Amino acid sequence: MGVDSAAGVARTVVVVHAAFCHRLPRLALRALVEAVRGAGEPLSVAELARRSGKQRRSFYRHLRLTRFPPPGALLAWGRILASSGMLDDGTASIEAVALALGMSDGAALVHLYRHHLGITPGEVRTSGGLAFTISALQGLMDRDMTNG
């Protein structure tokens, strides 16, 4: 089954913005939203920095000072959040979501989830989908801010 990735990403951007708008500094929020928005593109760190209104070095420095995930991890989280939003309705296959985001196959998406969340996209879907993923990222940031 195909996936309406544009609609799924647009909806996810709104939900992510609402979830993090009072928790993150403006640059970090903008970077996170742009990472989700660009999840289906071959988005580089330099392009993410540009979309966030910063030069690459300044972008790295600002994210590090806010104890936000580094830009490479941020790009991964953008894909994870976008895909979680697409998986929420329960009709799209993991393979279809991965392909809609420009990944080679469903196995690549499974690997991304296992690396960052420790569970599969299917497990995320049954655990609450996008809400679960947002909670996981919030927990990660809270731990980083506490340990930093």
N, C-alpha and C. Protein backbone atom coordinates (compact mmCIF):
# COMPACT_ATOMS: atom_id res chain seq x y z
N MET A 1 0.84 -1.17 0.00
CA MET A 1 0.00 0.00 0.00
C MET A 1 0.88 1.23 0.00
N GLY A 2 0.51 2.22 -0.79
CA GLY A 2 1.26 3.46 -0.86
C GLY A 2 1.03 4.32 0.37
N VAL A 3 1.88 5.32 0.52
CA VAL A 3 1.81 6.21 1.67
C VAL A 3 1.74 7.64 1.16
N ASP A 4 0.83 8.43 1.71
CA ASP A 4 0.79 9.85 1.40
C ASP A 4 1.80 10.53 2.31
N SER A 5 3.06 10.52 1.89
CA SER A 5 4.12 11.00 2.76
C SER A 5 4.00 12.50 3.04
N ALA A 6 3.56 13.29 2.07
CA ALA A 6 3.45 14.73 2.28
C ALA A 6 2.44 15.03 3.39
N ALA A 7 1.28 14.39 3.34
CA ALA A 7 0.27 14.61 4.37
C ALA A 7 0.74 14.10 5.72
N GLY A 8 1.38 12.93 5.73
CA GLY A 8 1.87 12.36 6.97
C GLY A 8 2.94 13.23 7.61
N VAL A 9 3.85 13.74 6.79
CA VAL A 9 4.92 14.59 7.31
C VAL A 9 4.34 15.92 7.79
N ALA A 10 3.41 16.49 7.04
CA ALA A 10 2.81 17.77 7.45
C ALA A 10 2.11 17.64 8.80
N ARG A 11 1.37 16.56 8.97
CA ARG A 11 0.68 16.32 10.24
C ARG A 11 1.70 16.14 11.36
N THR A 12 2.76 15.40 11.08
CA THR A 12 3.79 15.14 12.08
C THR A 12 4.49 16.43 12.48
N VAL A 13 4.76 17.32 11.52
CA VAL A 13 5.41 18.60 11.83
C VAL A 13 4.57 19.38 12.84
N VAL A 14 3.26 19.41 12.64
CA VAL A 14 2.37 20.14 13.56
C VAL A 14 2.42 19.52 14.96
N VAL A 15 2.35 18.20 15.03
CA VAL A 15 2.35 17.51 16.33
C VAL A 15 3.70 17.70 17.03
N VAL A 16 4.80 17.56 16.29
CA VAL A 16 6.14 17.73 16.87
C VAL A 16 6.31 19.16 17.38
N HIS A 17 5.91 20.14 16.59
CA HIS A 17 6.03 21.53 17.01
C HIS A 17 5.26 21.76 18.31
N ALA A 18 4.03 21.27 18.37
CA ALA A 18 3.22 21.43 19.58
C ALA A 18 3.85 20.75 20.79
N ALA A 19 4.44 19.57 20.58
CA ALA A 19 5.03 18.81 21.69
C ALA A 19 6.29 19.46 22.24
N PHE A 20 7.04 20.15 21.39
CA PHE A 20 8.34 20.66 21.81
C PHE A 20 8.44 22.18 21.89
N CYS A 21 7.40 22.93 21.51
CA CYS A 21 7.53 24.39 21.40
C CYS A 21 7.86 25.06 22.73
N HIS A 22 7.46 24.48 23.84
CA HIS A 22 7.74 25.09 25.14
C HIS A 22 8.93 24.44 25.84
N ARG A 23 9.52 23.44 25.20
CA ARG A 23 10.63 22.71 25.81
C ARG A 23 11.99 23.06 25.22
N LEU A 24 12.00 23.58 24.01
CA LEU A 24 13.25 23.76 23.29
C LEU A 24 13.52 25.21 22.95
N PRO A 25 14.80 25.58 22.93
CA PRO A 25 15.16 26.89 22.40
C PRO A 25 14.74 26.98 20.93
N ARG A 26 14.53 28.18 20.46
CA ARG A 26 14.00 28.41 19.10
C ARG A 26 14.80 27.68 18.02
N LEU A 27 16.14 27.77 18.07
CA LEU A 27 16.96 27.12 17.04
C LEU A 27 16.78 25.59 17.06
N ALA A 28 16.77 25.01 18.23
CA ALA A 28 16.62 23.55 18.34
C ALA A 28 15.25 23.12 17.82
N LEU A 29 14.21 23.88 18.16
CA LEU A 29 12.87 23.55 17.66
C LEU A 29 12.82 23.67 16.14
N ARG A 30 13.38 24.74 15.63
CA ARG A 30 13.38 24.93 14.16
C ARG A 30 14.14 23.79 13.48
N ALA A 31 15.28 23.41 14.04
CA ALA A 31 16.08 22.33 13.46
C ALA A 31 15.31 21.01 13.49
N LEU A 32 14.63 20.73 14.60
CA LEU A 32 13.86 19.49 14.70
C LEU A 32 12.71 19.48 13.68
N VAL A 33 12.00 20.58 13.57
CA VAL A 33 10.90 20.67 12.60
C VAL A 33 11.43 20.51 11.18
N GLU A 34 12.55 21.14 10.87
CA GLU A 34 13.13 21.03 9.52
C GLU A 34 13.63 19.61 9.26
N ALA A 35 14.15 18.94 10.28
CA ALA A 35 14.58 17.54 10.11
C ALA A 35 13.38 16.65 9.79
N VAL A 36 12.25 16.89 10.44
CA VAL A 36 11.04 16.12 10.14
C VAL A 36 10.54 16.48 8.75
N ARG A 37 10.47 17.76 8.45
CA ARG A 37 9.98 18.23 7.15
C ARG A 37 10.83 17.67 6.01
N GLY A 38 12.13 17.56 6.22
CA GLY A 38 13.03 17.08 5.18
C GLY A 38 13.31 15.59 5.25
N ALA A 39 12.53 14.85 6.02
CA ALA A 39 12.80 13.43 6.24
C ALA A 39 12.81 12.60 4.96
N GLY A 40 12.06 13.00 3.97
CA GLY A 40 12.00 12.24 2.72
C GLY A 40 12.97 12.72 1.67
N GLU A 41 13.82 13.65 2.03
CA GLU A 41 14.79 14.22 1.10
C GLU A 41 16.20 13.76 1.50
N PRO A 42 17.13 13.86 0.57
CA PRO A 42 18.53 13.58 0.94
C PRO A 42 19.12 14.81 1.65
N LEU A 43 18.64 15.08 2.84
CA LEU A 43 18.98 16.28 3.60
C LEU A 43 20.34 16.12 4.27
N SER A 44 21.23 17.07 4.03
CA SER A 44 22.56 17.05 4.65
C SER A 44 22.55 17.94 5.90
N VAL A 45 23.58 17.80 6.72
CA VAL A 45 23.72 18.65 7.90
C VAL A 45 23.86 20.11 7.46
N ALA A 46 24.62 20.37 6.41
CA ALA A 46 24.79 21.74 5.93
C ALA A 46 23.45 22.34 5.50
N GLU A 47 22.63 21.56 4.82
CA GLU A 47 21.31 22.05 4.40
C GLU A 47 20.39 22.24 5.59
N LEU A 48 20.45 21.33 6.57
CA LEU A 48 19.65 21.49 7.78
C LEU A 48 20.05 22.77 8.51
N ALA A 49 21.34 23.04 8.59
CA ALA A 49 21.82 24.28 9.22
C ALA A 49 21.29 25.49 8.46
N ARG A 50 21.37 25.45 7.13
CA ARG A 50 20.89 26.57 6.33
C ARG A 50 19.39 26.80 6.55
N ARG A 51 18.61 25.72 6.54
CA ARG A 51 17.17 25.84 6.76
C ARG A 51 16.84 26.34 8.16
N SER A 52 17.76 26.13 9.08
CA SER A 52 17.57 26.58 10.46
C SER A 52 18.10 27.98 10.67
N GLY A 53 18.66 28.57 9.62
CA GLY A 53 19.12 29.95 9.68
C GLY A 53 20.52 30.15 10.23
N LYS A 54 21.35 29.11 10.17
CA LYS A 54 22.71 29.19 10.71
C LYS A 54 23.73 28.65 9.73
N GLN A 55 24.98 29.09 9.92
CA GLN A 55 26.10 28.47 9.23
C GLN A 55 26.39 27.14 9.93
N ARG A 56 27.03 26.24 9.23
CA ARG A 56 27.25 24.89 9.77
C ARG A 56 27.96 24.88 11.13
N ARG A 57 29.06 25.60 11.26
CA ARG A 57 29.81 25.60 12.53
C ARG A 57 28.98 26.20 13.66
N SER A 58 28.30 27.29 13.37
CA SER A 58 27.44 27.93 14.35
C SER A 58 26.30 27.01 14.76
N PHE A 59 25.77 26.28 13.79
CA PHE A 59 24.69 25.34 14.03
C PHE A 59 25.14 24.25 15.01
N TYR A 60 26.29 23.65 14.75
CA TYR A 60 26.85 22.63 15.65
C TYR A 60 27.01 23.18 17.06
N ARG A 61 27.60 24.38 17.14
CA ARG A 61 27.87 24.99 18.44
C ARG A 61 26.57 25.25 19.22
N HIS A 62 25.59 25.83 18.55
CA HIS A 62 24.32 26.12 19.23
C HIS A 62 23.62 24.85 19.72
N LEU A 63 23.62 23.82 18.89
CA LEU A 63 22.99 22.57 19.32
C LEU A 63 23.73 21.96 20.51
N ARG A 64 25.04 22.01 20.48
CA ARG A 64 25.83 21.45 21.57
C ARG A 64 25.57 22.23 22.87
N LEU A 65 25.46 23.54 22.78
CA LEU A 65 25.21 24.35 23.98
C LEU A 65 23.83 24.10 24.58
N THR A 66 22.88 23.71 23.76
CA THR A 66 21.54 23.40 24.27
C THR A 66 21.41 21.93 24.67
N ARG A 67 22.49 21.17 24.53
CA ARG A 67 22.51 19.73 24.84
C ARG A 67 21.49 18.96 24.00
N PHE A 68 21.30 19.46 22.80
CA PHE A 68 20.40 18.81 21.84
C PHE A 68 21.20 17.76 21.10
N PRO A 69 20.55 16.73 20.56
CA PRO A 69 21.31 15.72 19.79
C PRO A 69 22.12 16.38 18.68
N PRO A 70 23.29 15.85 18.35
CA PRO A 70 24.09 16.42 17.28
C PRO A 70 23.34 16.35 15.95
N PRO A 71 23.73 17.16 14.97
CA PRO A 71 22.99 17.25 13.71
C PRO A 71 22.75 15.91 13.01
N GLY A 72 23.72 15.01 13.00
CA GLY A 72 23.51 13.72 12.35
C GLY A 72 22.41 12.92 13.03
N ALA A 73 22.41 12.92 14.36
CA ALA A 73 21.36 12.24 15.11
C ALA A 73 20.03 12.94 14.92
N LEU A 74 20.08 14.25 14.81
CA LEU A 74 18.85 15.02 14.58
C LEU A 74 18.20 14.64 13.25
N LEU A 75 19.00 14.44 12.22
CA LEU A 75 18.47 13.99 10.93
C LEU A 75 17.80 12.62 11.08
N ALA A 76 18.43 11.73 11.84
CA ALA A 76 17.84 10.41 12.08
C ALA A 76 16.52 10.54 12.83
N TRP A 77 16.49 11.38 13.86
CA TRP A 77 15.25 11.58 14.62
C TRP A 77 14.16 12.19 13.74
N GLY A 78 14.54 13.04 12.80
CA GLY A 78 13.54 13.58 11.86
C GLY A 78 12.88 12.46 11.08
N ARG A 79 13.67 11.52 10.62
CA ARG A 79 13.11 10.37 9.89
C ARG A 79 12.28 9.47 10.79
N ILE A 80 12.74 9.28 12.01
CA ILE A 80 12.01 8.43 12.95
C ILE A 80 10.65 9.06 13.28
N LEU A 81 10.66 10.36 13.56
CA LEU A 81 9.39 11.03 13.88
C LEU A 81 8.45 11.03 12.68
N ALA A 82 8.98 11.36 11.50
CA ALA A 82 8.14 11.38 10.29
C ALA A 82 7.56 10.00 10.02
N SER A 83 8.38 8.97 10.13
CA SER A 83 7.89 7.62 9.86
C SER A 83 6.89 7.16 10.92
N SER A 84 7.11 7.55 12.16
CA SER A 84 6.16 7.20 13.23
C SER A 84 4.79 7.81 12.94
N GLY A 85 4.79 9.04 12.43
CA GLY A 85 3.53 9.67 12.06
C GLY A 85 2.84 8.94 10.93
N MET A 86 3.61 8.45 9.97
CA MET A 86 3.03 7.71 8.85
C MET A 86 2.53 6.34 9.27
N LEU A 87 3.16 5.76 10.29
CA LEU A 87 2.75 4.44 10.76
C LEU A 87 1.53 4.51 11.68
N ASP A 88 1.20 5.69 12.16
CA ASP A 88 0.12 5.86 13.13
C ASP A 88 -1.23 5.31 12.68
N ASP A 89 -1.55 5.48 11.42
CA ASP A 89 -2.90 5.06 11.01
C ASP A 89 -3.04 3.55 10.89
N GLY A 90 -1.93 2.83 10.92
CA GLY A 90 -1.98 1.38 10.93
C GLY A 90 -2.16 0.72 9.57
N THR A 91 -2.30 1.48 8.51
CA THR A 91 -2.52 0.87 7.20
C THR A 91 -1.26 0.77 6.36
N ALA A 92 -0.30 1.64 6.58
CA ALA A 92 0.92 1.65 5.77
C ALA A 92 1.89 0.59 6.28
N SER A 93 2.49 -0.13 5.35
CA SER A 93 3.51 -1.11 5.73
C SER A 93 4.81 -0.40 6.06
N ILE A 94 5.65 -1.07 6.80
CA ILE A 94 6.97 -0.52 7.13
C ILE A 94 7.76 -0.30 5.86
N GLU A 95 7.65 -1.22 4.93
CA GLU A 95 8.33 -1.09 3.63
C GLU A 95 7.88 0.16 2.89
N ALA A 96 6.57 0.38 2.83
CA ALA A 96 6.03 1.55 2.12
C ALA A 96 6.47 2.85 2.76
N VAL A 97 6.50 2.89 4.08
CA VAL A 97 6.93 4.10 4.79
C VAL A 97 8.41 4.35 4.52
N ALA A 98 9.22 3.31 4.58
CA ALA A 98 10.66 3.45 4.31
C ALA A 98 10.89 4.00 2.90
N LEU A 99 10.20 3.44 1.94
CA LEU A 99 10.36 3.90 0.55
C LEU A 99 9.88 5.33 0.38
N ALA A 100 8.79 5.70 1.06
CA ALA A 100 8.28 7.07 0.98
C ALA A 100 9.28 8.08 1.53
N LEU A 101 10.13 7.62 2.44
CA LEU A 101 11.14 8.50 3.03
C LEU A 101 12.49 8.39 2.32
N GLY A 102 12.50 7.71 1.19
CA GLY A 102 13.73 7.63 0.40
C GLY A 102 14.73 6.61 0.90
N MET A 103 14.30 5.72 1.78
CA MET A 103 15.20 4.68 2.29
C MET A 103 15.19 3.51 1.31
N SER A 104 16.21 2.68 1.37
CA SER A 104 16.35 1.59 0.41
C SER A 104 15.27 0.52 0.57
N ASP A 105 14.87 0.25 1.82
CA ASP A 105 13.85 -0.77 2.08
C ASP A 105 13.43 -0.71 3.53
N GLY A 106 12.48 -1.56 3.88
CA GLY A 106 11.99 -1.60 5.26
C GLY A 106 13.06 -1.98 6.27
N ALA A 107 14.02 -2.79 5.85
CA ALA A 107 15.09 -3.20 6.76
C ALA A 107 15.92 -2.00 7.22
N ALA A 108 16.10 -1.03 6.34
CA ALA A 108 16.84 0.18 6.72
C ALA A 108 16.09 0.96 7.80
N LEU A 109 14.77 1.01 7.68
CA LEU A 109 13.96 1.69 8.70
C LEU A 109 14.01 0.92 10.02
N VAL A 110 13.92 -0.39 9.95
CA VAL A 110 14.01 -1.22 11.16
C VAL A 110 15.36 -0.98 11.84
N HIS A 111 16.43 -0.94 11.08
CA HIS A 111 17.77 -0.70 11.64
C HIS A 111 17.83 0.67 12.33
N LEU A 112 17.28 1.69 11.68
CA LEU A 112 17.27 3.04 12.25
C LEU A 112 16.54 3.05 13.60
N TYR A 113 15.39 2.42 13.66
CA TYR A 113 14.62 2.36 14.91
C TYR A 113 15.37 1.58 15.99
N ARG A 114 15.91 0.43 15.62
CA ARG A 114 16.63 -0.37 16.62
C ARG A 114 17.81 0.41 17.18
N HIS A 115 18.51 1.13 16.33
CA HIS A 115 19.69 1.89 16.76
C HIS A 115 19.31 3.02 17.72
N HIS A 116 18.25 3.74 17.42
CA HIS A 116 17.91 4.92 18.23
C HIS A 116 16.88 4.66 19.33
N LEU A 117 16.01 3.68 19.13
CA LEU A 117 14.96 3.41 20.11
C LEU A 117 15.09 2.04 20.79
N GLY A 118 15.83 1.14 20.15
CA GLY A 118 15.98 -0.19 20.69
C GLY A 118 14.82 -1.12 20.39
N ILE A 119 13.88 -0.67 19.58
CA ILE A 119 12.74 -1.49 19.18
C ILE A 119 12.43 -1.25 17.70
N THR A 120 11.56 -2.07 17.14
CA THR A 120 11.25 -1.98 15.71
C THR A 120 10.11 -0.98 15.45
N PRO A 121 9.95 -0.56 14.20
CA PRO A 121 8.81 0.30 13.86
C PRO A 121 7.46 -0.35 14.19
N GLY A 122 7.36 -1.65 14.00
CA GLY A 122 6.12 -2.35 14.33
C GLY A 122 5.82 -2.26 15.82
N GLU A 123 6.86 -2.37 16.65
CA GLU A 123 6.68 -2.25 18.09
C GLU A 123 6.30 -0.82 18.48
N VAL A 124 6.87 0.16 17.77
CA VAL A 124 6.50 1.55 18.02
C VAL A 124 5.03 1.76 17.66
N ARG A 125 4.61 1.20 16.53
CA ARG A 125 3.21 1.33 16.10
C ARG A 125 2.26 0.82 17.18
N THR A 126 2.57 -0.34 17.76
CA THR A 126 1.68 -0.92 18.77
C THR A 126 1.85 -0.28 20.14
N SER A 127 2.91 0.53 20.32
CA SER A 127 3.16 1.18 21.61
C SER A 127 2.66 2.62 21.65
N GLY A 128 2.05 3.08 20.59
CA GLY A 128 1.52 4.44 20.59
C GLY A 128 1.98 5.29 19.43
N GLY A 129 2.79 4.74 18.54
CA GLY A 129 3.19 5.45 17.33
C GLY A 129 3.93 6.74 17.60
N LEU A 130 3.45 7.81 17.01
CA LEU A 130 4.12 9.11 17.10
C LEU A 130 4.20 9.59 18.55
N ALA A 131 3.15 9.40 19.32
CA ALA A 131 3.18 9.82 20.73
C ALA A 131 4.29 9.09 21.49
N PHE A 132 4.46 7.81 21.23
CA PHE A 132 5.53 7.04 21.86
C PHE A 132 6.89 7.59 21.46
N THR A 133 7.07 7.87 20.18
CA THR A 133 8.35 8.35 19.68
C THR A 133 8.69 9.73 20.24
N ILE A 134 7.70 10.60 20.31
CA ILE A 134 7.92 11.93 20.90
C ILE A 134 8.33 11.77 22.36
N SER A 135 7.66 10.91 23.09
CA SER A 135 8.00 10.67 24.49
C SER A 135 9.43 10.13 24.63
N ALA A 136 9.82 9.24 23.73
CA ALA A 136 11.18 8.68 23.77
C ALA A 136 12.22 9.77 23.53
N LEU A 137 11.98 10.67 22.58
CA LEU A 137 12.91 11.76 22.31
C LEU A 137 12.94 12.73 23.48
N GLN A 138 11.80 13.03 24.06
CA GLN A 138 11.77 13.91 25.22
C GLN A 138 12.57 13.30 26.38
N GLY A 139 12.42 11.99 26.57
CA GLY A 139 13.18 11.31 27.63
C GLY A 139 14.68 11.37 27.37
N LEU A 140 15.07 11.19 26.13
CA LEU A 140 16.48 11.27 25.77
C LEU A 140 17.03 12.66 26.06
N MET A 141 16.28 13.67 25.67
CA MET A 141 16.74 15.05 25.92
C MET A 141 16.79 15.36 27.39
N ASP A 142 15.79 14.89 28.16
CA ASP A 142 15.79 15.12 29.59
C ASP A 142 17.01 14.48 30.25
N ARG A 143 17.35 13.25 29.84
CA ARG A 143 18.53 12.57 30.38
C ARG A 143 19.79 13.34 30.03
N ASP A 144 19.89 13.80 28.78
CA ASP A 144 21.08 14.54 28.35
C ASP A 144 21.23 15.84 29.12
N MET A 145 20.12 16.52 29.37
CA MET A 145 20.18 17.79 30.11
C MET A 145 20.51 17.56 31.57
N THR A 146 20.07 16.45 32.14
CA THR A 146 20.36 16.12 33.52
C THR A 146 21.81 15.69 33.68
N ASN A 147 22.31 14.92 32.72
CA ASN A 147 23.69 14.40 32.80
C ASN A 147 24.72 15.40 32.31
N GLY A 148 24.29 16.43 31.61
CA GLY A 148 25.23 17.39 31.02
C GLY A 148 25.64 18.39 31.98
